[in-house]
C-alpha atoms as a PDB file:
ATOM      1  CA  MET A   1       0.000   0.000   0.000  1.00  0.00           C
ATOM      2  CA  ALA A   2       1.176   3.528  -0.717  1.00  0.00           C
ATOM      3  CA  CYS A   3       2.417   5.800   2.043  1.00  0.00           C
ATOM      4  CA  PRO A   4      -0.222   8.085   3.562  1.00  0.00           C
ATOM      5  CA  ASN A   5      -0.586  11.369   1.690  1.00  0.00           C
ATOM      6  CA  PRO A   6      -1.562  14.390   3.838  1.00  0.00           C
ATOM      7  CA  THR A   7      -3.289  16.223   0.966  1.00  0.00           C
ATOM      8  CA  PRO A   8      -6.927  17.075   1.821  1.00  0.00           C
ATOM      9  CA  THR A   9      -8.969  14.808  -0.447  1.00  0.00           C
ATOM     10  CA  LEU A  10     -12.617  14.397  -1.405  1.00  0.00           C
ATOM     11  CA  VAL A  11     -13.412  10.709  -1.985  1.00  0.00           C
ATOM     12  CA  LEU A  12     -16.465  10.409  -4.237  1.00  0.00           C
ATOM     13  CA  PHE A  13     -17.152   7.415  -6.475  1.00  0.00           C
ATOM     14  CA  GLY A  14     -19.731   5.261  -8.218  1.00  0.00           C
ATOM     15  CA  PRO A  15     -20.151   1.624  -7.157  1.00  0.00           C
ATOM     16  CA  SER A  16     -20.767   0.548 -10.762  1.00  0.00           C
ATOM     17  CA  ASP A  17     -17.202   1.543 -11.721  1.00  0.00           C
ATOM     18  CA  HIS A  18     -15.502  -1.569 -13.098  1.00  0.00           C
ATOM     19  CA  VAL A  19     -12.125   0.173 -13.443  1.00  0.00           C
ATOM     20  CA  ILE A  20     -11.335   0.767  -9.769  1.00  0.00           C
ATOM     21  CA  TYR A  21     -10.705  -1.927  -7.155  1.00  0.00           C
ATOM     22  CA  PRO A  22     -13.701  -3.171  -5.147  1.00  0.00           C
ATOM     23  CA  ASP A  23     -11.977  -1.884  -1.975  1.00  0.00           C
ATOM     24  CA  PHE A  24     -11.368   1.572  -3.465  1.00  0.00           C
ATOM     25  CA  ASP A  25     -13.163   3.407  -0.662  1.00  0.00           C
ATOM     26  CA  ARG A  26     -11.101   1.741   2.065  1.00  0.00           C
ATOM     27  CA  MET A  27      -7.875   2.085   0.081  1.00  0.00           C
ATOM     28  CA  ALA A  28      -8.488   5.800  -0.538  1.00  0.00           C
ATOM     29  CA  ALA A  29      -9.305   6.391   3.136  1.00  0.00           C
ATOM     30  CA  ALA A  30      -6.033   4.696   4.145  1.00  0.00           C
ATOM     31  CA  VAL A  31      -3.873   6.544   1.606  1.00  0.00           C
ATOM     32  CA  PHE A  32      -5.522   9.941   2.226  1.00  0.00           C
ATOM     33  CA  PRO A  33      -6.071  10.160   6.011  1.00  0.00           C
ATOM     34  CA  ASN A  34      -7.198  13.803   5.677  1.00  0.00           C
ATOM     35  CA  HIS A  35     -10.244  12.937   3.578  1.00  0.00           C
ATOM     36  CA  ALA A  36     -13.941  13.691   3.385  1.00  0.00           C
ATOM     37  CA  GLY A  37     -16.065  10.708   2.508  1.00  0.00           C
ATOM     38  CA  PRO A  38     -16.035   8.259   0.976  1.00  0.00           C
ATOM     39  CA  PHE A  39     -19.294   9.266  -0.657  1.00  0.00           C
ATOM     40  CA  LEU A  40     -20.980   6.635  -2.782  1.00  0.00           C
ATOM     41  CA  LEU A  41     -23.080   7.804  -5.734  1.00  0.00           C
ATOM     42  CA  ARG A  42     -25.717   5.163  -6.448  1.00  0.00           C
ATOM     43  CA  ASP A  43     -26.301   4.083 -10.061  1.00  0.00           C
ATOM     44  CA  CYS A  44     -23.031   5.674 -11.075  1.00  0.00           C
ATOM     45  CA  GLY A  45     -19.951   4.189 -12.685  1.00  0.00           C
ATOM     46  CA  HIS A  46     -16.535   5.400 -13.800  1.00  0.00           C
ATOM     47  CA  PHE A  47     -17.592   8.720 -15.342  1.00  0.00           C
ATOM     48  CA  VAL A  48     -19.001  10.507 -12.300  1.00  0.00           C
ATOM     49  CA  GLN A  49     -18.715  13.875 -14.063  1.00  0.00           C
ATOM     50  CA  TRP A  50     -21.188  12.658 -16.735  1.00  0.00           C
ATOM     51  CA  GLU A  51     -23.350  10.209 -14.834  1.00  0.00           C
ATOM     52  CA  ALA A  52     -23.864  12.322 -11.717  1.00  0.00           C
ATOM     53  CA  ALA A  53     -22.778  15.815 -12.741  1.00  0.00           C
ATOM     54  CA  HIS A  54     -25.043  17.620 -10.285  1.00  0.00           C
ATOM     55  CA  ALA A  55     -23.845  15.519  -7.342  1.00  0.00           C
ATOM     56  CA  LEU A  56     -20.198  15.980  -8.327  1.00  0.00           C
ATOM     57  CA  ASN A  57     -20.555  19.743  -8.837  1.00  0.00           C
ATOM     58  CA  SER A  58     -22.394  20.134  -5.529  1.00  0.00           C
ATOM     59  CA  ALA A  59     -19.772  18.090  -3.675  1.00  0.00           C
ATOM     60  CA  VAL A  60     -16.835  19.978  -5.181  1.00  0.00           C
ATOM     61  CA  THR A  61     -18.515  23.337  -4.509  1.00  0.00           C
ATOM     62  CA  ALA A  62     -19.087  22.374  -0.864  1.00  0.00           C
ATOM     63  CA  TRP A  63     -15.567  20.919  -0.523  1.00  0.00           C
ATOM     64  CA  CYS A  64     -14.009  24.088  -1.967  1.00  0.00           C
ATOM     65  CA  GLY A  65     -16.427  26.458  -0.254  1.00  0.00           C
ATOM     66  CA  ASP A  66     -13.741  28.106   1.847  1.00  0.00           C
ATOM     67  CA  LEU A  67     -11.652  28.777  -1.262  1.00  0.00           C
ATOM     68  CA  LEU A  68     -14.648  30.182  -3.126  1.00  0.00           C
ATOM     69  CA  ALA A  69     -15.644  32.377  -0.174  1.00  0.00           C
ATOM     70  CA  GLY A  70     -12.125  33.832  -0.007  1.00  0.00           C
ATOM     71  CA  ARG A  71     -12.198  34.660  -3.698  1.00  0.00           C
ATOM     72  CA  ARG A  72     -15.554  36.478  -3.367  1.00  0.00           C
ATOM     73  CA  ARG A  73     -14.196  38.691  -0.565  1.00  0.00           C
ATOM     74  CA  GLN A  74     -11.263  39.964  -2.626  1.00  0.00           C
END
């Protein structure tokens, strides 16, 4: 297993993805200890940005909310 990476990470995936490992959620949580999630998007596969665009956009907007708020204040 890879060494833990301290980068803040949003773990969001579709269970119908046949490209990633079945234990992806646990692997990601172990590699990225500073993570939010994992969040499972039902009826979604490998292309989250196409299959669940609204959910992805909402999650990224919430995850980056502090960055977006800082930009609005400038």
